[in-house]
Every structure is written in C-alpha cells, then in structure tokens.
PDB file of N, CA and C in Angstrom:
ATOM      1  N   MET A   1      12.954   7.696  -8.819  1.00  0.00           N
ATOM      2  CA  MET A   1      12.889   6.502  -9.267  1.00  0.00           C
ATOM      3  C   MET A   1      13.196   5.244  -8.261  1.00  0.00           C
ATOM      4  N   ASP A   2      12.891   4.714  -7.973  1.00  0.00           N
ATOM      5  CA  ASP A   2      13.117   3.993  -7.027  1.00  0.00           C
ATOM      6  C   ASP A   2      13.372   1.870  -7.876  1.00  0.00           C
ATOM      7  N   MET A   3      14.914   2.400  -7.696  1.00  0.00           N
ATOM      8  CA  MET A   3      15.613   1.011  -8.473  1.00  0.00           C
ATOM      9  C   MET A   3      15.596   0.013  -8.160  1.00  0.00           C
ATOM     10  N   ARG A   4      15.231  -0.422  -6.400  1.00  0.00           N
ATOM     11  CA  ARG A   4      14.893  -1.536  -6.150  1.00  0.00           C
ATOM     12  C   ARG A   4      13.673  -2.292  -7.025  1.00  0.00           C
ATOM     13  N   ARG A   5      12.471  -1.087  -6.973  1.00  0.00           N
ATOM     14  CA  ARG A   5      11.222  -1.644  -7.525  1.00  0.00           C
ATOM     15  C   ARG A   5      11.460  -1.743  -8.874  1.00  0.00           C
ATOM     16  N   LEU A   6      12.072  -1.035  -9.760  1.00  0.00           N
ATOM     17  CA  LEU A   6      12.531  -1.376 -11.162  1.00  0.00           C
ATOM     18  C   LEU A   6      12.924  -2.141 -11.331  1.00  0.00           C
ATOM     19  N   VAL A   7      13.798  -2.933 -10.373  1.00  0.00           N
ATOM     20  CA  VAL A   7      14.621  -3.970 -10.976  1.00  0.00           C
ATOM     21  C   VAL A   7      13.881  -5.132 -10.686  1.00  0.00           C
ATOM     22  N   GLY A   8      12.760  -5.066  -9.445  1.00  0.00           N
ATOM     23  CA  GLY A   8      11.897  -6.275  -9.064  1.00  0.00           C
ATOM     24  C   GLY A   8      10.815  -6.307  -9.915  1.00  0.00           C
ATOM     25  N   GLN A   9      10.242  -5.378 -10.766  1.00  0.00           N
ATOM     26  CA  GLN A   9       9.664  -5.408 -11.788  1.00  0.00           C
ATOM     27  C   GLN A   9      10.002  -5.800 -12.871  1.00  0.00           C
ATOM     28  N   ASN A  10      11.172  -5.668 -13.083  1.00  0.00           N
ATOM     29  CA  ASN A  10      12.064  -6.431 -14.575  1.00  0.00           C
ATOM     30  C   ASN A  10      11.908  -7.565 -14.208  1.00  0.00           C
ATOM     31  N   VAL A  11      12.240  -8.179 -13.001  1.00  0.00           N
ATOM     32  CA  VAL A  11      12.789  -9.678 -13.000  1.00  0.00           C
ATOM     33  C   VAL A  11      11.866 -10.307 -13.246  1.00  0.00           C
ATOM     34  N   LYS A  12      10.385  -9.854 -12.127  1.00  0.00           N
ATOM     35  CA  LYS A  12       9.305 -10.387 -12.008  1.00  0.00           C
ATOM     36  C   LYS A  12       8.653 -10.276 -14.008  1.00  0.00           C
ATOM     37  N   ARG A  13       8.560  -9.332 -15.068  1.00  0.00           N
ATOM     38  CA  ARG A  13       8.446  -9.477 -15.791  1.00  0.00           C
ATOM     39  C   ARG A  13       9.360 -10.388 -16.579  1.00  0.00           C
ATOM     40  N   ILE A  14      10.240 -10.525 -17.009  1.00  0.00           N
ATOM     41  CA  ILE A  14      11.092 -11.462 -17.497  1.00  0.00           C
ATOM     42  C   ILE A  14      10.901 -12.640 -16.909  1.00  0.00           C
ATOM     43  N   ARG A  15      10.748 -12.905 -15.695  1.00  0.00           N
ATOM     44  CA  ARG A  15      10.377 -14.513 -15.090  1.00  0.00           C
ATOM     45  C   ARG A  15       9.218 -14.834 -15.793  1.00  0.00           C
ATOM     46  N   ILE A  16       8.387 -14.390 -15.835  1.00  0.00           N
ATOM     47  CA  ILE A  16       7.401 -14.588 -16.273  1.00  0.00           C
ATOM     48  C   ILE A  16       6.867 -14.895 -18.058  1.00  0.00           C
ATOM     49  N   GLU A  17       7.276 -13.947 -18.583  1.00  0.00           N
ATOM     50  CA  GLU A  17       7.789 -13.869 -20.198  1.00  0.00           C
ATOM     51  C   GLU A  17       8.915 -15.034 -20.352  1.00  0.00           C
ATOM     52  N   ARG A  18       9.674 -15.663 -19.381  1.00  0.00           N
ATOM     53  CA  ARG A  18      10.326 -16.794 -20.080  1.00  0.00           C
ATOM     54  C   ARG A  18       9.631 -18.204 -19.322  1.00  0.00           C
ATOM     55  N   GLY A  19       8.295 -17.970 -18.905  1.00  0.00           N
ATOM     56  CA  GLY A  19       7.415 -19.421 -17.871  1.00  0.00           C
ATOM     57  C   GLY A  19       8.374 -19.924 -17.018  1.00  0.00           C
ATOM     58  N   LEU A  20       9.095 -19.056 -16.124  1.00  0.00           N
ATOM     59  CA  LEU A  20       9.578 -19.833 -14.744  1.00  0.00           C
ATOM     60  C   LEU A  20       8.905 -19.393 -13.600  1.00  0.00           C
ATOM     61  N   THR A  21       9.085 -20.195 -13.086  1.00  0.00           N
ATOM     62  CA  THR A  21       8.473 -19.689 -11.653  1.00  0.00           C
ATOM     63  C   THR A  21       9.834 -19.430 -10.874  1.00  0.00           C
ATOM     64  N   GLN A  22       9.303 -18.746  -9.608  1.00  0.00           N
ATOM     65  CA  GLN A  22      10.631 -18.273  -8.129  1.00  0.00           C
ATOM     66  C   GLN A  22      11.509 -19.153  -8.591  1.00  0.00           C
ATOM     67  N   GLU A  23      10.773 -20.656  -7.798  1.00  0.00           N
ATOM     68  CA  GLU A  23      11.195 -21.868  -7.764  1.00  0.00           C
ATOM     69  C   GLU A  23      13.064 -22.176  -8.643  1.00  0.00           C
ATOM     70  N   GLN A  24      11.933 -22.481  -9.974  1.00  0.00           N
ATOM     71  CA  GLN A  24      12.777 -22.520 -11.552  1.00  0.00           C
ATOM     72  C   GLN A  24      13.937 -21.913 -11.398  1.00  0.00           C
ATOM     73  N   LEU A  25      13.638 -20.268 -10.964  1.00  0.00           N
ATOM     74  CA  LEU A  25      14.772 -19.149 -11.330  1.00  0.00           C
ATOM     75  C   LEU A  25      15.881 -18.885  -9.933  1.00  0.00           C
ATOM     76  N   ALA A  26      15.163 -19.601  -9.188  1.00  0.00           N
ATOM     77  CA  ALA A  26      16.055 -19.623  -7.436  1.00  0.00           C
ATOM     78  C   ALA A  26      17.421 -21.024  -8.191  1.00  0.00           C
ATOM     79  N   ALA A  27      16.714 -21.934  -8.630  1.00  0.00           N
ATOM     80  CA  ALA A  27      17.681 -23.315  -8.844  1.00  0.00           C
ATOM     81  C   ALA A  27      18.808 -22.398  -9.998  1.00  0.00           C
ATOM     82  N   ALA A  28      18.379 -21.953 -11.263  1.00  0.00           N
ATOM     83  CA  ALA A  28      19.270 -21.273 -12.142  1.00  0.00           C
ATOM     84  C   ALA A  28      19.960 -20.417 -11.446  1.00  0.00           C
ATOM     85  N   SER A  29      19.943 -19.518 -10.558  1.00  0.00           N
ATOM     86  CA  SER A  29      20.589 -18.131 -10.265  1.00  0.00           C
ATOM     87  C   SER A  29      21.355 -18.681  -9.009  1.00  0.00           C
ATOM     88  N   GLY A  30      21.193 -19.427  -8.311  1.00  0.00           N
ATOM     89  CA  GLY A  30      21.557 -19.557  -6.963  1.00  0.00           C
ATOM     90  C   GLY A  30      21.250 -18.807  -5.633  1.00  0.00           C
ATOM     91  N   PHE A  31      20.062 -18.062  -6.171  1.00  0.00           N
ATOM     92  CA  PHE A  31      19.531 -17.265  -4.884  1.00  0.00           C
ATOM     93  C   PHE A  31      18.215 -18.035  -4.512  1.00  0.00           C
ATOM     94  N   THR A  32      18.243 -17.687  -3.145  1.00  0.00           N
ATOM     95  CA  THR A  32      16.601 -18.335  -2.594  1.00  0.00           C
ATOM     96  C   THR A  32      15.760 -18.258  -3.542  1.00  0.00           C
ATOM     97  N   GLN A  33      14.170 -18.414  -3.136  1.00  0.00           N
ATOM     98  CA  GLN A  33      13.052 -18.102  -3.637  1.00  0.00           C
ATOM     99  C   GLN A  33      12.799 -16.869  -2.740  1.00  0.00           C
ATOM    100  N   GLN A  34      12.730 -17.154  -1.874  1.00  0.00           N
ATOM    101  CA  GLN A  34      12.617 -15.915  -0.839  1.00  0.00           C
ATOM    102  C   GLN A  34      13.161 -14.862  -0.803  1.00  0.00           C
ATOM    103  N   TYR A  35      14.396 -14.766  -1.504  1.00  0.00           N
ATOM    104  CA  TYR A  35      15.164 -13.881  -2.123  1.00  0.00           C
ATOM    105  C   TYR A  35      14.480 -13.200  -3.382  1.00  0.00           C
ATOM    106  N   LEU A  36      14.099 -13.817  -4.039  1.00  0.00           N
ATOM    107  CA  LEU A  36      13.601 -13.448  -5.092  1.00  0.00           C
ATOM    108  C   LEU A  36      12.201 -12.900  -5.000  1.00  0.00           C
ATOM    109  N   SER A  37      11.659 -13.601  -4.134  1.00  0.00           N
ATOM    110  CA  SER A  37      10.435 -12.824  -3.928  1.00  0.00           C
ATOM    111  C   SER A  37      10.603 -11.829  -3.192  1.00  0.00           C
ATOM    112  N   GLY A  38      11.996 -11.338  -2.231  1.00  0.00           N
ATOM    113  CA  GLY A  38      11.692 -10.013  -1.734  1.00  0.00           C
ATOM    114  C   GLY A  38      12.105  -8.696  -3.199  1.00  0.00           C
ATOM    115  N   LEU A  39      12.657  -9.339  -3.811  1.00  0.00           N
ATOM    116  CA  LEU A  39      13.034  -8.990  -4.776  1.00  0.00           C
ATOM    117  C   LEU A  39      12.345  -7.821  -5.590  1.00  0.00           C
ATOM    118  N   GLU A  40      11.602  -9.249  -6.147  1.00  0.00           N
ATOM    119  CA  GLU A  40      10.565  -9.033  -6.918  1.00  0.00           C
ATOM    120  C   GLU A  40       9.212  -8.038  -6.300  1.00  0.00           C
ATOM    121  N   SER A  41       9.423  -7.607  -4.839  1.00  0.00           N
ATOM    122  CA  SER A  41       8.225  -6.887  -4.512  1.00  0.00           C
ATOM    123  C   SER A  41       9.225  -5.829  -4.410  1.00  0.00           C
ATOM    124  N   GLY A  42      10.248  -5.598  -4.357  1.00  0.00           N
ATOM    125  CA  GLY A  42      11.053  -4.277  -4.267  1.00  0.00           C
ATOM    126  C   GLY A  42      11.368  -3.937  -2.846  1.00  0.00           C
ATOM    127  N   ARG A  43      11.525  -4.734  -2.088  1.00  0.00           N
ATOM    128  CA  ARG A  43      12.051  -5.089  -0.450  1.00  0.00           C
ATOM    129  C   ARG A  43      13.684  -5.282  -0.621  1.00  0.00           C
ATOM    130  N   ARG A  44      14.346  -5.773  -2.021  1.00  0.00           N
ATOM    131  CA  ARG A  44      15.662  -6.253  -1.717  1.00  0.00           C
ATOM    132  C   ARG A  44      16.240  -4.914  -2.165  1.00  0.00           C
ATOM    133  N   ASN A  45      17.222  -4.835  -1.683  1.00  0.00           N
ATOM    134  CA  ASN A  45      18.569  -4.226  -2.481  1.00  0.00           C
ATOM    135  C   ASN A  45      19.343  -4.431  -3.365  1.00  0.00           C
ATOM    136  N   PRO A  46      19.133  -5.322  -4.267  1.00  0.00           N
ATOM    137  CA  PRO A  46      20.345  -6.231  -4.776  1.00  0.00           C
ATOM    138  C   PRO A  46      21.648  -5.349  -4.982  1.00  0.00           C
ATOM    139  N   THR A  47      22.930  -5.565  -5.076  1.00  0.00           N
ATOM    140  CA  THR A  47      23.972  -5.341  -5.711  1.00  0.00           C
ATOM    141  C   THR A  47      23.822  -5.669  -7.047  1.00  0.00           C
ATOM    142  N   VAL A  48      25.251  -5.293  -7.673  1.00  0.00           N
ATOM    143  CA  VAL A  48      25.415  -5.000  -8.903  1.00  0.00           C
ATOM    144  C   VAL A  48      25.711  -6.420  -9.198  1.00  0.00           C
ATOM    145  N   VAL A  49      26.505  -7.321  -8.053  1.00  0.00           N
ATOM    146  CA  VAL A  49      26.976  -8.657  -8.617  1.00  0.00           C
ATOM    147  C   VAL A  49      25.371  -9.616  -8.641  1.00  0.00           C
ATOM    148  N   THR A  50      24.491  -8.924  -7.905  1.00  0.00           N
ATOM    149  CA  THR A  50      23.065  -9.950  -8.154  1.00  0.00           C
ATOM    150  C   THR A  50      22.532  -9.546  -9.349  1.00  0.00           C
ATOM    151  N   VAL A  51      22.225  -8.331  -9.535  1.00  0.00           N
ATOM    152  CA  VAL A  51      21.658  -7.977 -10.741  1.00  0.00           C
ATOM    153  C   VAL A  51      22.146  -8.766 -11.840  1.00  0.00           C
ATOM    154  N   TYR A  52      23.391  -8.620 -11.983  1.00  0.00           N
ATOM    155  CA  TYR A  52      24.352  -9.120 -13.055  1.00  0.00           C
ATOM    156  C   TYR A  52      23.887 -10.893 -13.206  1.00  0.00           C
ATOM    157  N   GLU A  53      24.250 -11.618 -11.960  1.00  0.00           N
ATOM    158  CA  GLU A  53      24.021 -12.887 -11.883  1.00  0.00           C
ATOM    159  C   GLU A  53      22.601 -13.614 -12.221  1.00  0.00           C
ATOM    160  N   ILE A  54      20.740 -12.777 -11.696  1.00  0.00           N
ATOM    161  CA  ILE A  54      19.897 -12.885 -12.207  1.00  0.00           C
ATOM    162  C   ILE A  54      19.949 -12.721 -13.468  1.00  0.00           C
ATOM    163  N   ALA A  55      20.462 -11.318 -13.876  1.00  0.00           N
ATOM    164  CA  ALA A  55      20.282 -11.360 -15.786  1.00  0.00           C
ATOM    165  C   ALA A  55      20.714 -12.273 -16.186  1.00  0.00           C
ATOM    166  N   THR A  56      21.947 -13.449 -16.417  1.00  0.00           N
ATOM    167  CA  THR A  56      22.438 -14.215 -16.897  1.00  0.00           C
ATOM    168  C   THR A  56      21.682 -15.296 -16.722  1.00  0.00           C
ATOM    169  N   ALA A  57      20.962 -15.902 -15.734  1.00  0.00           N
ATOM    170  CA  ALA A  57      20.323 -16.622 -15.160  1.00  0.00           C
ATOM    171  C   ALA A  57      18.559 -16.561 -16.174  1.00  0.00           C
ATOM    172  N   LEU A  58      18.703 -15.334 -16.317  1.00  0.00           N
ATOM    173  CA  LEU A  58      16.973 -15.628 -16.936  1.00  0.00           C
ATOM    174  C   LEU A  58      17.602 -15.368 -18.576  1.00  0.00           C
ATOM    175  N   SER A  59      18.811 -14.878 -18.934  1.00  0.00           N
ATOM    176  CA  SER A  59      19.350 -14.908 -20.333  1.00  0.00           C
ATOM    177  C   SER A  59      18.941 -13.586 -20.969  1.00  0.00           C
ATOM    178  N   VAL A  60      19.443 -12.225 -20.162  1.00  0.00           N
ATOM    179  CA  VAL A  60      19.196 -11.050 -20.973  1.00  0.00           C
ATOM    180  C   VAL A  60      20.625 -10.297 -20.380  1.00  0.00           C
ATOM    181  N   THR A  61      20.612  -9.221 -20.362  1.00  0.00           N
ATOM    182  CA  THR A  61      21.842  -8.411 -19.953  1.00  0.00           C
ATOM    183  C   THR A  61      21.687  -7.614 -19.041  1.00  0.00           C
ATOM    184  N   TYR A  62      22.417  -7.255 -18.276  1.00  0.00           N
ATOM    185  CA  TYR A  62      21.933  -6.629 -16.596  1.00  0.00           C
ATOM    186  C   TYR A  62      21.622  -5.278 -17.263  1.00  0.00           C
ATOM    187  N   LEU A  63      21.344  -4.729 -18.179  1.00  0.00           N
ATOM    188  CA  LEU A  63      20.517  -3.413 -18.464  1.00  0.00           C
ATOM    189  C   LEU A  63      18.882  -3.702 -18.986  1.00  0.00           C
ATOM    190  N   GLU A  64      18.947  -4.988 -19.156  1.00  0.00           N
ATOM    191  CA  GLU A  64      17.504  -5.130 -19.301  1.00  0.00           C
ATOM    192  C   GLU A  64      16.799  -4.905 -18.221  1.00  0.00           C
ATOM    193  N   LEU A  65      17.352  -5.403 -16.837  1.00  0.00           N
ATOM    194  CA  LEU A  65      16.737  -5.138 -15.643  1.00  0.00           C
ATOM    195  C   LEU A  65      17.122  -3.927 -14.894  1.00  0.00           C
ATOM    196  N   LEU A  66      17.430  -2.978 -15.496  1.00  0.00           N
ATOM    197  CA  LEU A  66      17.989  -1.396 -14.993  1.00  0.00           C
ATOM    198  C   LEU A  66      16.797  -0.768 -16.066  1.00  0.00           C
ATOM    199  N   LYS A  67      16.289  -1.278 -17.137  1.00  0.00           N
ATOM    200  CA  LYS A  67      15.880  -0.251 -17.570  1.00  0.00           C
ATOM    201  C   LYS A  67      14.046   0.226 -17.276  1.00  0.00           C
ATOM    202  N   PRO A  68      13.878   1.130 -17.941  1.00  0.00           N
ATOM    203  CA  PRO A  68      12.433   1.844 -17.282  1.00  0.00           C
ATOM    204  C   PRO A  68      11.450   0.862 -18.276  1.00  0.00           C
ATOM    205  N   VAL A  69      10.528   0.285 -17.841  1.00  0.00           N
ATOM    206  CA  VAL A  69       9.402  -0.330 -19.033  1.00  0.00           C
ATOM    207  C   VAL A  69       8.177   0.588 -19.155  1.00  0.00           C
ATOM    208  N   PRO A  70       8.806   1.047 -20.497  1.00  0.00           N
ATOM    209  CA  PRO A  70       7.482   2.102 -21.294  1.00  0.00           C
ATOM    210  C   PRO A  70       5.725   1.577 -20.835  1.00  0.00           C
ATOM    211  N   ASP A  71       5.158   2.904 -20.529  1.00  0.00           N
ATOM    212  CA  ASP A  71       3.808   2.319 -20.262  1.00  0.00           C
ATOM    213  C   ASP A  71       3.227   1.833 -21.215  1.00  0.00           C
ATOM    214  N   ALA A  72       2.460   0.706 -20.916  1.00  0.00           N
ATOM    215  CA  ALA A  72       1.649  -0.328 -22.446  1.00  0.00           C
ATOM    216  C   ALA A  72       0.533   0.220 -22.462  1.00  0.00           C
TER     217      ALA A  72
END
C-alpha cells in the first residue's frame, strides 16, 4: 500500500465532500495550494504533523486520512 497515495486520495475525497476547493483548504490549513495538489496526487510525502494539520482543517481525525477507503 502506497501511503502517499492513500493520504492524498483521502484528503481529496474529504475536501470534495466538504465542498472545499484546494484554495479554501490551503487558507484553512496554512499549506499552499501547490502543496495540496501534490499531496492529493500522491507526489508528496506528508509528515505526521502535516497529516494532523490537514485533518484539523478538514474537521476530521488524522485517522480518517490514513484509513483505506472501502471499494464502492
């Protein structure tokens, strides 16, 4: 399992569920839109602190960003 890809997919899914753009999440989290774009595409390797900060900005627990998404 590629954790970079998993975290990125979860960030994107939850961001879209919340009706947020990358720019809005960037403003809420303190990360740049470019960083979030790289994260969502699995090109960034987030630290534990990054996962926590983004989860906080999305109003979810950090564990939500680490959970495998069940097949729909």
